[in-house]
């Protein structure tokens, strides 16, 4: 329910920071009027107001890159929104995942969230198969093949660790992670699901000195 205390500007708009709920990346800065916010709350997908076109628009309506809203917060002055979403594709019209893909200044180059990128690539391969790719091969072979690979990579991790070979173990954990993510895609399990389960366990064990 929309609070009555939200401070829309003289044009009836609130700035809305759209953030990827999975990795915290800022995807875009846009604006919502009351109708856009109402429709976002009603549908669970991002609706915005275009200042240039002076019209309401449903994010991803033409591209298919909709955004599933996970959480909406407003700031202490109640005049700006933070909308956390799970994007179903690039947020930027250029095809980039975020509108903020051009660097102006960086003391250090931040490492990309490669797990999130890998999850998205695996999902894209599942939705739009690309012949000749290994991921597509796994999907074609089915869950038994994927489970076999998960088992093989688990064994390789154990062997590498038993030999105290840090480089080999790192390599095999990376392989195991990839194949586990493919399995998760087949079963419809998201990284967010795993995080929620870990968080649930953390809450249950909080205060338990045995953990």
N, C-alpha and C. Protein backbone atom coordinates (compact mmCIF):
# COMPACT_ATOMS: atom_id res chain seq x y z
N UNK A 1 0.85 -1.20 0.00
CA UNK A 1 0.00 0.00 0.00
C UNK A 1 0.88 1.24 0.00
N UNK A 2 0.54 2.21 -0.84
CA UNK A 2 1.35 3.42 -0.97
C UNK A 2 1.11 4.35 0.22
N UNK A 3 2.19 4.75 0.93
CA UNK A 3 2.01 5.68 2.06
C UNK A 3 1.61 7.07 1.57
N UNK A 4 0.80 7.76 2.34
CA UNK A 4 0.33 9.09 1.96
C UNK A 4 1.43 10.14 2.10
N UNK A 5 2.52 9.79 2.77
CA UNK A 5 3.56 10.77 3.08
C UNK A 5 4.62 10.88 1.99
N UNK A 6 4.55 10.10 0.92
CA UNK A 6 5.53 10.20 -0.15
C UNK A 6 5.49 11.60 -0.77
N UNK A 7 6.69 12.15 -1.00
CA UNK A 7 6.80 13.53 -1.48
C UNK A 7 7.07 13.57 -2.99
N UNK A 8 6.03 13.52 -3.80
CA UNK A 8 6.18 13.65 -5.24
C UNK A 8 6.57 15.10 -5.56
N UNK A 9 7.39 15.30 -6.61
CA UNK A 9 7.82 16.65 -6.95
C UNK A 9 6.71 17.44 -7.64
N UNK A 10 7.05 18.64 -8.08
CA UNK A 10 6.04 19.52 -8.68
C UNK A 10 5.43 18.95 -9.95
N UNK A 11 6.11 17.98 -10.57
CA UNK A 11 5.58 17.31 -11.75
C UNK A 11 4.89 15.99 -11.42
N UNK A 12 4.74 15.73 -10.12
CA UNK A 12 4.08 14.51 -9.70
C UNK A 12 4.94 13.27 -9.84
N UNK A 13 6.27 13.43 -9.74
CA UNK A 13 7.18 12.32 -9.97
C UNK A 13 8.08 12.05 -8.77
N UNK A 14 8.51 10.82 -8.66
CA UNK A 14 9.52 10.40 -7.70
C UNK A 14 10.67 9.75 -8.47
N UNK A 15 11.93 10.11 -8.19
CA UNK A 15 13.04 9.36 -8.79
C UNK A 15 13.05 7.94 -8.23
N UNK A 16 13.30 6.96 -9.09
CA UNK A 16 13.31 5.56 -8.69
C UNK A 16 14.62 4.92 -9.12
N UNK A 17 15.41 4.54 -8.15
CA UNK A 17 16.66 3.81 -8.43
C UNK A 17 16.29 2.34 -8.57
N UNK A 18 16.55 1.77 -9.76
CA UNK A 18 16.24 0.37 -10.01
C UNK A 18 17.51 -0.43 -9.78
N UNK A 19 17.46 -1.37 -8.84
CA UNK A 19 18.65 -2.13 -8.42
C UNK A 19 18.42 -3.62 -8.61
N UNK A 20 19.45 -4.31 -9.07
CA UNK A 20 19.38 -5.76 -9.21
C UNK A 20 19.40 -6.38 -7.81
N UNK A 21 18.33 -7.07 -7.44
CA UNK A 21 18.24 -7.66 -6.10
C UNK A 21 19.24 -8.77 -5.89
N UNK A 22 19.78 -9.33 -6.97
CA UNK A 22 20.68 -10.48 -6.86
C UNK A 22 22.10 -10.07 -6.49
N UNK A 23 22.57 -8.96 -7.04
CA UNK A 23 23.97 -8.59 -6.80
C UNK A 23 24.17 -7.14 -6.41
N UNK A 24 23.09 -6.37 -6.29
CA UNK A 24 23.20 -4.99 -5.83
C UNK A 24 23.55 -3.97 -6.89
N UNK A 25 23.74 -4.41 -8.14
CA UNK A 25 24.07 -3.45 -9.20
C UNK A 25 22.92 -2.48 -9.43
N UNK A 26 23.25 -1.20 -9.60
CA UNK A 26 22.24 -0.22 -10.00
C UNK A 26 22.00 -0.38 -11.49
N UNK A 27 20.76 -0.65 -11.87
CA UNK A 27 20.44 -0.90 -13.27
C UNK A 27 20.09 0.38 -14.02
N UNK A 28 19.32 1.24 -13.39
CA UNK A 28 18.95 2.49 -14.06
C UNK A 28 18.37 3.46 -13.03
N UNK A 29 18.31 4.72 -13.40
CA UNK A 29 17.61 5.73 -12.62
C UNK A 29 16.45 6.21 -13.48
N UNK A 30 15.24 6.05 -12.97
CA UNK A 30 14.06 6.43 -13.74
C UNK A 30 13.10 7.18 -12.82
N UNK A 31 11.87 7.35 -13.28
CA UNK A 31 10.89 8.11 -12.50
C UNK A 31 9.55 7.38 -12.49
N UNK A 32 8.82 7.56 -11.39
CA UNK A 32 7.48 7.01 -11.26
C UNK A 32 6.53 8.11 -10.84
N UNK A 33 5.34 8.12 -11.45
CA UNK A 33 4.27 8.93 -10.89
C UNK A 33 3.37 8.01 -10.06
N UNK A 34 2.29 8.52 -9.53
CA UNK A 34 1.44 7.69 -8.67
C UNK A 34 0.88 6.48 -9.42
N UNK A 35 0.52 6.69 -10.67
CA UNK A 35 -0.04 5.60 -11.45
C UNK A 35 0.99 4.51 -11.69
N UNK A 36 2.21 4.91 -12.03
CA UNK A 36 3.27 3.93 -12.27
C UNK A 36 3.56 3.14 -11.00
N UNK A 37 3.61 3.82 -9.87
CA UNK A 37 3.86 3.14 -8.60
C UNK A 37 2.71 2.21 -8.25
N UNK A 38 1.50 2.67 -8.47
CA UNK A 38 0.32 1.83 -8.22
C UNK A 38 0.38 0.55 -9.06
N UNK A 39 0.69 0.70 -10.35
CA UNK A 39 0.72 -0.46 -11.24
C UNK A 39 1.89 -1.39 -10.90
N UNK A 40 3.01 -0.81 -10.44
CA UNK A 40 4.14 -1.63 -10.00
C UNK A 40 3.74 -2.48 -8.80
N UNK A 41 3.06 -1.84 -7.84
CA UNK A 41 2.61 -2.57 -6.65
C UNK A 41 1.55 -3.61 -7.00
N UNK A 42 0.72 -3.29 -7.96
CA UNK A 42 -0.38 -4.19 -8.34
C UNK A 42 0.11 -5.40 -9.13
N UNK A 43 1.07 -5.18 -10.05
CA UNK A 43 1.48 -6.25 -10.96
C UNK A 43 2.74 -6.98 -10.51
N UNK A 44 3.54 -6.34 -9.64
CA UNK A 44 4.80 -6.95 -9.24
C UNK A 44 5.89 -6.82 -10.29
N UNK A 45 5.65 -5.97 -11.29
CA UNK A 45 6.65 -5.69 -12.32
C UNK A 45 6.85 -4.18 -12.41
N UNK A 46 8.01 -3.78 -12.94
CA UNK A 46 8.37 -2.36 -12.96
C UNK A 46 7.57 -1.59 -14.00
N UNK A 47 6.89 -0.53 -13.53
CA UNK A 47 6.23 0.45 -14.39
C UNK A 47 6.86 1.81 -14.09
N UNK A 48 7.08 2.60 -15.12
CA UNK A 48 7.76 3.88 -14.98
C UNK A 48 7.02 4.96 -15.75
N UNK A 49 7.47 6.20 -15.55
CA UNK A 49 6.91 7.31 -16.30
C UNK A 49 8.03 7.95 -17.11
N UNK A 50 7.83 8.04 -18.42
CA UNK A 50 8.83 8.64 -19.31
C UNK A 50 8.64 10.16 -19.34
N UNK A 51 9.67 10.88 -18.92
CA UNK A 51 9.58 12.34 -18.93
C UNK A 51 9.67 12.89 -20.36
N UNK A 52 10.40 12.21 -21.23
CA UNK A 52 10.54 12.69 -22.60
C UNK A 52 9.27 12.46 -23.40
N UNK A 53 8.67 11.30 -23.21
CA UNK A 53 7.44 10.97 -23.96
C UNK A 53 6.17 11.33 -23.21
N UNK A 54 6.35 11.70 -21.93
CA UNK A 54 5.22 12.06 -21.08
C UNK A 54 4.14 10.97 -21.09
N UNK A 55 4.61 9.76 -20.85
CA UNK A 55 3.67 8.64 -20.86
C UNK A 55 4.13 7.54 -19.92
N UNK A 56 3.19 6.74 -19.48
CA UNK A 56 3.46 5.59 -18.63
C UNK A 56 4.04 4.48 -19.50
N UNK A 57 5.00 3.70 -18.96
CA UNK A 57 5.51 2.57 -19.73
C UNK A 57 5.87 1.40 -18.82
N UNK A 58 5.62 0.23 -19.34
CA UNK A 58 5.89 -1.02 -18.65
C UNK A 58 7.27 -1.49 -19.07
N UNK A 59 8.22 -1.54 -18.15
CA UNK A 59 9.59 -1.92 -18.48
C UNK A 59 9.62 -3.32 -19.10
N UNK A 60 10.17 -3.41 -20.32
CA UNK A 60 10.26 -4.69 -21.01
C UNK A 60 9.05 -5.04 -21.85
N UNK A 61 8.13 -4.09 -21.99
CA UNK A 61 6.90 -4.37 -22.75
C UNK A 61 7.19 -4.77 -24.18
N UNK A 62 8.17 -4.11 -24.81
CA UNK A 62 8.51 -4.44 -26.20
C UNK A 62 9.69 -5.39 -26.31
N UNK A 63 10.67 -5.25 -25.39
CA UNK A 63 11.88 -6.08 -25.47
C UNK A 63 11.72 -7.44 -24.82
N UNK A 64 10.75 -7.55 -23.93
CA UNK A 64 10.59 -8.78 -23.17
C UNK A 64 11.46 -8.82 -21.91
N UNK A 65 12.27 -7.78 -21.71
CA UNK A 65 13.18 -7.72 -20.56
C UNK A 65 12.47 -7.09 -19.36
N UNK A 66 11.43 -7.76 -18.90
CA UNK A 66 10.69 -7.25 -17.76
C UNK A 66 11.49 -7.41 -16.48
N UNK A 67 11.00 -6.79 -15.42
CA UNK A 67 11.68 -6.85 -14.13
C UNK A 67 10.68 -7.26 -13.05
N UNK A 68 10.97 -8.33 -12.36
CA UNK A 68 10.12 -8.79 -11.26
C UNK A 68 10.53 -8.06 -9.99
N UNK A 69 9.61 -7.33 -9.42
CA UNK A 69 9.91 -6.51 -8.25
C UNK A 69 9.96 -7.37 -6.99
N UNK A 70 11.05 -7.23 -6.23
CA UNK A 70 11.24 -7.99 -5.00
C UNK A 70 11.06 -7.14 -3.75
N UNK A 71 11.38 -5.86 -3.85
CA UNK A 71 11.29 -5.02 -2.67
C UNK A 71 11.31 -3.56 -3.10
N UNK A 72 10.53 -2.73 -2.43
CA UNK A 72 10.54 -1.29 -2.68
C UNK A 72 10.72 -0.58 -1.34
N UNK A 73 11.67 0.34 -1.30
CA UNK A 73 11.89 1.15 -0.10
C UNK A 73 11.89 2.62 -0.50
N UNK A 74 11.66 3.49 0.47
CA UNK A 74 11.77 4.93 0.20
C UNK A 74 12.72 5.54 1.22
N UNK A 75 13.33 6.68 0.85
CA UNK A 75 14.39 7.25 1.66
C UNK A 75 13.84 8.04 2.84
N UNK A 76 14.76 8.57 3.66
CA UNK A 76 14.37 9.26 4.89
C UNK A 76 13.54 10.51 4.62
N UNK A 77 13.76 11.17 3.47
CA UNK A 77 12.98 12.36 3.11
C UNK A 77 11.69 12.00 2.39
N UNK A 78 11.53 10.72 2.11
CA UNK A 78 10.33 10.18 1.46
C UNK A 78 10.09 10.79 0.08
N UNK A 79 11.21 11.11 -0.61
CA UNK A 79 11.07 11.70 -1.94
C UNK A 79 11.88 10.94 -3.00
N UNK A 80 12.26 9.71 -2.70
CA UNK A 80 12.98 8.87 -3.66
C UNK A 80 12.70 7.41 -3.33
N UNK A 81 12.72 6.58 -4.37
CA UNK A 81 12.43 5.15 -4.20
C UNK A 81 13.64 4.31 -4.56
N UNK A 82 13.79 3.18 -3.88
CA UNK A 82 14.75 2.15 -4.24
C UNK A 82 13.94 0.90 -4.58
N UNK A 83 13.99 0.50 -5.86
CA UNK A 83 13.21 -0.63 -6.34
C UNK A 83 14.16 -1.77 -6.65
N UNK A 84 14.10 -2.83 -5.87
CA UNK A 84 14.97 -3.99 -6.07
C UNK A 84 14.22 -5.03 -6.90
N UNK A 85 14.86 -5.47 -7.98
CA UNK A 85 14.18 -6.32 -8.95
C UNK A 85 15.06 -7.50 -9.35
N UNK A 86 14.43 -8.50 -9.94
CA UNK A 86 15.14 -9.55 -10.66
C UNK A 86 14.86 -9.33 -12.14
N UNK A 87 15.86 -8.82 -12.89
CA UNK A 87 15.64 -8.51 -14.31
C UNK A 87 15.63 -9.78 -15.16
N UNK A 88 14.77 -9.80 -16.15
CA UNK A 88 14.71 -10.94 -17.07
C UNK A 88 15.48 -10.66 -18.36
N UNK A 89 16.44 -9.77 -18.26
CA UNK A 89 17.25 -9.41 -19.42
C UNK A 89 17.90 -8.08 -19.18
N UNK A 90 18.62 -7.55 -20.16
CA UNK A 90 19.31 -6.26 -20.00
C UNK A 90 18.36 -5.14 -19.62
N UNK A 91 18.83 -4.25 -18.76
CA UNK A 91 18.01 -3.11 -18.35
C UNK A 91 18.16 -1.94 -19.31
N UNK A 92 19.30 -1.88 -20.00
CA UNK A 92 19.60 -0.74 -20.86
C UNK A 92 19.16 -0.99 -22.30
N UNK A 93 18.70 0.06 -22.98
CA UNK A 93 18.25 -0.07 -24.37
C UNK A 93 19.41 -0.42 -25.31
N UNK A 94 20.67 -0.24 -24.82
CA UNK A 94 21.84 -0.57 -25.64
C UNK A 94 22.13 -2.07 -25.64
N UNK A 95 21.45 -2.79 -24.76
CA UNK A 95 21.71 -4.22 -24.63
C UNK A 95 22.61 -4.56 -23.45
N UNK A 96 23.13 -3.52 -22.77
CA UNK A 96 23.93 -3.74 -21.57
C UNK A 96 23.01 -4.08 -20.40
N UNK A 97 23.54 -4.85 -19.44
CA UNK A 97 22.73 -5.26 -18.30
C UNK A 97 22.33 -4.06 -17.44
N UNK A 98 23.19 -3.03 -17.37
CA UNK A 98 22.90 -1.84 -16.59
C UNK A 98 23.12 -0.60 -17.45
N UNK A 99 22.35 0.44 -17.19
CA UNK A 99 22.56 1.70 -17.89
C UNK A 99 23.88 2.36 -17.48
N UNK A 100 24.40 1.98 -16.31
CA UNK A 100 25.64 2.56 -15.81
C UNK A 100 26.82 1.67 -16.19
N UNK A 101 27.05 1.53 -17.49
CA UNK A 101 28.12 0.66 -17.97
C UNK A 101 29.34 1.45 -18.48
N UNK A 102 29.26 2.78 -18.39
CA UNK A 102 30.38 3.61 -18.84
C UNK A 102 31.07 4.22 -17.63
N UNK A 103 32.37 3.98 -17.52
CA UNK A 103 33.12 4.42 -16.35
C UNK A 103 33.65 5.83 -16.53
N UNK A 104 33.44 6.68 -15.54
CA UNK A 104 33.98 8.04 -15.53
C UNK A 104 35.24 8.13 -14.68
N UNK A 105 35.25 7.39 -13.57
CA UNK A 105 36.40 7.38 -12.67
C UNK A 105 36.39 6.09 -11.88
N UNK A 106 37.55 5.50 -11.69
CA UNK A 106 37.65 4.31 -10.86
C UNK A 106 39.05 4.23 -10.27
N UNK A 107 39.15 4.24 -8.94
CA UNK A 107 40.44 4.06 -8.28
C UNK A 107 40.93 2.64 -8.53
N UNK A 108 40.00 1.70 -8.50
CA UNK A 108 40.28 0.31 -8.83
C UNK A 108 39.17 -0.19 -9.74
N UNK A 109 39.51 -1.12 -10.62
CA UNK A 109 38.48 -1.72 -11.46
C UNK A 109 37.75 -2.77 -10.67
N UNK A 110 36.44 -2.57 -10.40
CA UNK A 110 35.72 -3.55 -9.60
C UNK A 110 35.56 -4.86 -10.36
N UNK A 111 35.65 -5.95 -9.62
CA UNK A 111 35.46 -7.26 -10.24
C UNK A 111 33.97 -7.45 -10.54
N UNK A 112 33.65 -7.90 -11.74
CA UNK A 112 32.25 -8.13 -12.07
C UNK A 112 31.70 -9.31 -11.27
N UNK A 113 30.40 -9.30 -11.02
CA UNK A 113 29.77 -10.43 -10.35
C UNK A 113 29.61 -11.55 -11.37
N UNK A 114 30.67 -12.35 -11.48
CA UNK A 114 30.72 -13.35 -12.53
C UNK A 114 29.68 -14.45 -12.32
N UNK A 115 29.31 -14.72 -11.07
CA UNK A 115 28.30 -15.75 -10.82
C UNK A 115 26.95 -15.32 -11.38
N UNK A 116 26.59 -14.06 -11.14
CA UNK A 116 25.33 -13.54 -11.67
C UNK A 116 25.34 -13.57 -13.20
N UNK A 117 26.47 -13.17 -13.79
CA UNK A 117 26.58 -13.20 -15.25
C UNK A 117 26.48 -14.62 -15.78
N UNK A 118 27.10 -15.57 -15.08
CA UNK A 118 27.05 -16.96 -15.50
C UNK A 118 25.64 -17.52 -15.40
N UNK A 119 24.95 -17.20 -14.31
CA UNK A 119 23.56 -17.64 -14.14
C UNK A 119 22.70 -17.13 -15.30
N UNK A 120 22.90 -15.85 -15.66
CA UNK A 120 22.12 -15.27 -16.75
C UNK A 120 22.44 -15.95 -18.08
N UNK A 121 23.72 -16.24 -18.31
CA UNK A 121 24.12 -16.89 -19.55
C UNK A 121 23.53 -18.30 -19.64
N UNK A 122 23.57 -19.04 -18.53
CA UNK A 122 22.99 -20.38 -18.50
C UNK A 122 21.49 -20.31 -18.78
N UNK A 123 20.83 -19.34 -18.15
CA UNK A 123 19.38 -19.18 -18.37
C UNK A 123 19.09 -18.86 -19.83
N UNK A 124 19.89 -17.98 -20.41
CA UNK A 124 19.69 -17.63 -21.82
C UNK A 124 19.89 -18.84 -22.73
N UNK A 125 20.88 -19.67 -22.42
CA UNK A 125 21.10 -20.90 -23.21
C UNK A 125 19.91 -21.85 -23.09
N UNK A 126 19.31 -21.86 -21.91
CA UNK A 126 18.15 -22.73 -21.69
C UNK A 126 16.94 -22.24 -22.48
N UNK A 127 16.75 -20.92 -22.46
CA UNK A 127 15.60 -20.33 -23.14
C UNK A 127 15.80 -20.26 -24.65
N UNK A 128 17.04 -19.96 -25.06
CA UNK A 128 17.36 -19.81 -26.48
C UNK A 128 18.59 -20.66 -26.80
N UNK A 129 18.41 -21.95 -27.06
CA UNK A 129 19.55 -22.86 -27.28
C UNK A 129 20.47 -22.37 -28.39
N UNK A 130 21.77 -22.49 -28.13
CA UNK A 130 22.78 -22.13 -29.13
C UNK A 130 23.55 -23.39 -29.48
N UNK A 131 23.36 -23.88 -30.68
CA UNK A 131 23.98 -25.13 -31.10
C UNK A 131 25.50 -25.04 -31.02
N UNK A 132 26.11 -26.12 -30.56
CA UNK A 132 27.56 -26.19 -30.48
C UNK A 132 28.14 -25.75 -29.16
N UNK A 133 27.31 -25.24 -28.25
CA UNK A 133 27.81 -24.81 -26.94
C UNK A 133 27.70 -25.97 -25.95
N UNK A 134 28.61 -25.99 -25.00
CA UNK A 134 28.62 -27.06 -24.00
C UNK A 134 27.38 -27.02 -23.13
N UNK A 135 26.94 -25.81 -22.77
CA UNK A 135 25.74 -25.68 -21.93
C UNK A 135 24.52 -26.24 -22.65
N UNK A 136 24.42 -25.96 -23.94
CA UNK A 136 23.31 -26.48 -24.73
C UNK A 136 23.37 -28.01 -24.79
N UNK A 137 24.57 -28.54 -24.90
CA UNK A 137 24.77 -30.00 -24.90
C UNK A 137 24.24 -30.62 -23.61
N UNK A 138 24.55 -30.00 -22.49
CA UNK A 138 24.08 -30.53 -21.21
C UNK A 138 22.56 -30.53 -21.13
N UNK A 139 21.95 -29.43 -21.58
CA UNK A 139 20.49 -29.36 -21.56
C UNK A 139 19.87 -30.42 -22.47
N UNK A 140 20.49 -30.65 -23.62
CA UNK A 140 19.98 -31.67 -24.55
C UNK A 140 20.09 -33.07 -23.96
N UNK A 141 21.20 -33.35 -23.27
CA UNK A 141 21.42 -34.67 -22.68
C UNK A 141 20.49 -34.92 -21.49
N UNK A 142 20.10 -33.87 -20.80
CA UNK A 142 19.14 -34.02 -19.71
C UNK A 142 19.76 -34.13 -18.33
N UNK A 143 18.89 -34.29 -17.35
CA UNK A 143 19.31 -34.20 -15.95
C UNK A 143 20.26 -35.32 -15.54
N UNK A 144 20.11 -36.52 -16.12
CA UNK A 144 21.01 -37.60 -15.74
C UNK A 144 22.46 -37.26 -16.07
N UNK A 145 22.69 -36.67 -17.25
CA UNK A 145 24.03 -36.26 -17.65
C UNK A 145 24.56 -35.17 -16.73
N UNK A 146 23.69 -34.23 -16.41
CA UNK A 146 24.09 -33.12 -15.54
C UNK A 146 24.46 -33.64 -14.16
N UNK A 147 23.65 -34.56 -13.63
CA UNK A 147 23.94 -35.14 -12.32
C UNK A 147 25.26 -35.91 -12.34
N UNK A 148 25.52 -36.60 -13.43
CA UNK A 148 26.78 -37.34 -13.56
C UNK A 148 27.96 -36.37 -13.49
N UNK A 149 27.84 -35.23 -14.19
CA UNK A 149 28.93 -34.25 -14.17
C UNK A 149 29.10 -33.63 -12.78
N UNK A 150 27.99 -33.37 -12.09
CA UNK A 150 28.08 -32.84 -10.73
C UNK A 150 28.83 -33.83 -9.84
N UNK A 151 28.50 -35.11 -9.99
CA UNK A 151 29.19 -36.14 -9.21
C UNK A 151 30.67 -36.23 -9.54
N UNK A 152 31.00 -36.16 -10.83
CA UNK A 152 32.40 -36.23 -11.24
C UNK A 152 33.19 -35.05 -10.70
N UNK A 153 32.61 -33.86 -10.81
CA UNK A 153 33.33 -32.66 -10.35
C UNK A 153 33.47 -32.66 -8.83
N UNK A 154 32.48 -33.20 -8.12
CA UNK A 154 32.59 -33.31 -6.67
C UNK A 154 33.77 -34.20 -6.30
N UNK A 155 33.90 -35.31 -7.00
CA UNK A 155 35.02 -36.22 -6.75
C UNK A 155 36.35 -35.54 -7.02
N UNK A 156 36.40 -34.74 -8.10
CA UNK A 156 37.64 -34.04 -8.44
C UNK A 156 38.01 -33.01 -7.37
N UNK A 157 37.00 -32.36 -6.80
CA UNK A 157 37.26 -31.41 -5.71
C UNK A 157 37.88 -32.15 -4.52
N UNK A 158 37.31 -33.31 -4.19
CA UNK A 158 37.81 -34.10 -3.06
C UNK A 158 39.26 -34.52 -3.30
N UNK A 159 39.55 -34.97 -4.50
CA UNK A 159 40.91 -35.42 -4.82
C UNK A 159 41.89 -34.26 -4.73
N UNK A 160 41.52 -33.12 -5.32
CA UNK A 160 42.40 -31.96 -5.28
C UNK A 160 42.67 -31.49 -3.86
N UNK A 161 41.61 -31.49 -3.03
CA UNK A 161 41.77 -31.06 -1.64
C UNK A 161 42.61 -32.06 -0.85
N UNK A 162 42.38 -33.35 -1.11
CA UNK A 162 43.14 -34.40 -0.41
C UNK A 162 44.63 -34.28 -0.73
N UNK A 163 44.93 -33.87 -1.96
CA UNK A 163 46.33 -33.69 -2.37
C UNK A 163 46.90 -32.33 -1.96
N UNK A 164 46.04 -31.54 -1.31
CA UNK A 164 46.42 -30.19 -0.88
C UNK A 164 46.94 -29.35 -2.04
N UNK A 165 46.32 -29.57 -3.21
CA UNK A 165 46.67 -28.82 -4.42
C UNK A 165 45.69 -27.67 -4.56
N UNK A 166 46.10 -26.50 -4.11
CA UNK A 166 45.19 -25.34 -4.07
C UNK A 166 44.71 -24.95 -5.47
N UNK A 167 45.61 -24.89 -6.43
CA UNK A 167 45.24 -24.49 -7.79
C UNK A 167 44.26 -25.47 -8.40
N UNK A 168 44.54 -26.76 -8.25
CA UNK A 168 43.66 -27.79 -8.81
C UNK A 168 42.30 -27.77 -8.13
N UNK A 169 42.29 -27.60 -6.82
CA UNK A 169 41.02 -27.56 -6.08
C UNK A 169 40.19 -26.35 -6.50
N UNK A 170 40.85 -25.21 -6.68
CA UNK A 170 40.14 -24.01 -7.14
C UNK A 170 39.52 -24.25 -8.50
N UNK A 171 40.27 -24.85 -9.40
CA UNK A 171 39.78 -25.16 -10.75
C UNK A 171 38.56 -26.07 -10.68
N UNK A 172 38.64 -27.11 -9.86
CA UNK A 172 37.56 -28.08 -9.78
C UNK A 172 36.32 -27.51 -9.08
N UNK A 173 36.53 -26.64 -8.09
CA UNK A 173 35.38 -25.98 -7.45
C UNK A 173 34.65 -25.10 -8.46
N UNK A 174 35.42 -24.44 -9.32
CA UNK A 174 34.80 -23.63 -10.37
C UNK A 174 33.98 -24.51 -11.31
N UNK A 175 34.52 -25.67 -11.69
CA UNK A 175 33.77 -26.61 -12.54
C UNK A 175 32.50 -27.09 -11.83
N UNK A 176 32.64 -27.42 -10.55
CA UNK A 176 31.49 -27.90 -9.78
C UNK A 176 30.43 -26.81 -9.67
N UNK A 177 30.87 -25.58 -9.47
CA UNK A 177 29.93 -24.45 -9.37
C UNK A 177 29.14 -24.30 -10.67
N UNK A 178 29.84 -24.33 -11.79
CA UNK A 178 29.17 -24.20 -13.09
C UNK A 178 28.12 -25.30 -13.28
N UNK A 179 28.50 -26.56 -13.06
CA UNK A 179 27.56 -27.66 -13.29
C UNK A 179 26.40 -27.63 -12.29
N UNK A 180 26.67 -27.16 -11.07
CA UNK A 180 25.59 -27.01 -10.09
C UNK A 180 24.61 -25.94 -10.53
N UNK A 181 25.11 -24.85 -11.11
CA UNK A 181 24.23 -23.79 -11.60
C UNK A 181 23.37 -24.29 -12.78
N UNK A 182 23.94 -25.14 -13.62
CA UNK A 182 23.16 -25.74 -14.72
C UNK A 182 22.06 -26.60 -14.13
N UNK A 183 22.39 -27.41 -13.11
CA UNK A 183 21.38 -28.24 -12.45
C UNK A 183 20.29 -27.39 -11.83
N UNK A 184 20.68 -26.30 -11.19
CA UNK A 184 19.70 -25.40 -10.58
C UNK A 184 18.76 -24.81 -11.63
N UNK A 185 19.29 -24.47 -12.80
CA UNK A 185 18.46 -23.94 -13.88
C UNK A 185 17.42 -24.97 -14.32
N UNK A 186 17.83 -26.22 -14.45
CA UNK A 186 16.91 -27.28 -14.87
C UNK A 186 15.80 -27.47 -13.84
N UNK A 187 16.15 -27.37 -12.56
CA UNK A 187 15.18 -27.61 -11.50
C UNK A 187 14.41 -26.35 -11.10
N UNK A 188 14.77 -25.21 -11.69
CA UNK A 188 14.08 -23.97 -11.37
C UNK A 188 14.46 -23.40 -10.01
N UNK A 189 15.68 -23.68 -9.57
CA UNK A 189 16.19 -23.15 -8.30
C UNK A 189 17.08 -21.95 -8.60
N UNK A 190 16.84 -20.84 -7.93
CA UNK A 190 17.64 -19.64 -8.16
C UNK A 190 18.68 -19.46 -7.08
N UNK A 191 19.67 -18.61 -7.36
CA UNK A 191 20.67 -18.28 -6.35
C UNK A 191 19.99 -17.62 -5.16
N UNK A 192 18.94 -16.83 -5.43
CA UNK A 192 18.19 -16.19 -4.34
C UNK A 192 17.55 -17.24 -3.43
N UNK A 193 17.10 -18.36 -4.00
CA UNK A 193 16.54 -19.43 -3.18
C UNK A 193 17.58 -19.98 -2.21
N UNK A 194 18.80 -20.15 -2.70
CA UNK A 194 19.88 -20.66 -1.85
C UNK A 194 20.21 -19.65 -0.76
N UNK A 195 20.26 -18.37 -1.12
CA UNK A 195 20.55 -17.33 -0.13
C UNK A 195 19.47 -17.30 0.94
N UNK A 196 18.20 -17.43 0.53
CA UNK A 196 17.11 -17.42 1.52
C UNK A 196 17.22 -18.60 2.47
N UNK A 197 17.58 -19.77 1.93
CA UNK A 197 17.73 -20.95 2.79
C UNK A 197 18.88 -20.77 3.77
N UNK A 198 20.00 -20.23 3.29
CA UNK A 198 21.13 -19.98 4.18
C UNK A 198 20.77 -18.96 5.26
N UNK A 199 20.02 -17.94 4.86
CA UNK A 199 19.60 -16.91 5.82
C UNK A 199 18.66 -17.51 6.86
N UNK A 200 17.75 -18.37 6.40
CA UNK A 200 16.82 -19.03 7.32
C UNK A 200 17.60 -19.85 8.35
N UNK A 201 18.59 -20.58 7.89
CA UNK A 201 19.40 -21.38 8.80
C UNK A 201 20.17 -20.50 9.79
N UNK A 202 20.66 -19.37 9.27
CA UNK A 202 21.40 -18.46 10.13
C UNK A 202 20.52 -17.94 11.26
N UNK A 203 19.27 -17.60 10.92
CA UNK A 203 18.35 -17.11 11.93
C UNK A 203 18.04 -18.18 12.96
N UNK A 204 17.90 -19.42 12.47
CA UNK A 204 17.59 -20.52 13.38
C UNK A 204 18.74 -20.78 14.35
N UNK A 205 19.97 -20.63 13.85
CA UNK A 205 21.15 -20.95 14.64
C UNK A 205 21.68 -19.75 15.44
N UNK A 206 21.09 -18.59 15.22
CA UNK A 206 21.57 -17.39 15.90
C UNK A 206 21.50 -17.58 17.40
N UNK A 207 22.62 -17.36 18.04
CA UNK A 207 22.66 -17.52 19.49
C UNK A 207 23.04 -18.93 19.93
N UNK A 208 23.10 -19.85 18.97
CA UNK A 208 23.50 -21.22 19.29
C UNK A 208 25.03 -21.29 19.26
N UNK A 209 25.68 -21.39 20.40
CA UNK A 209 27.13 -21.34 20.47
C UNK A 209 27.80 -22.58 19.86
N UNK A 210 27.01 -23.61 19.59
CA UNK A 210 27.59 -24.81 18.99
C UNK A 210 27.90 -24.63 17.52
N UNK A 211 27.33 -23.58 16.86
CA UNK A 211 27.51 -23.36 15.43
C UNK A 211 28.75 -22.51 15.19
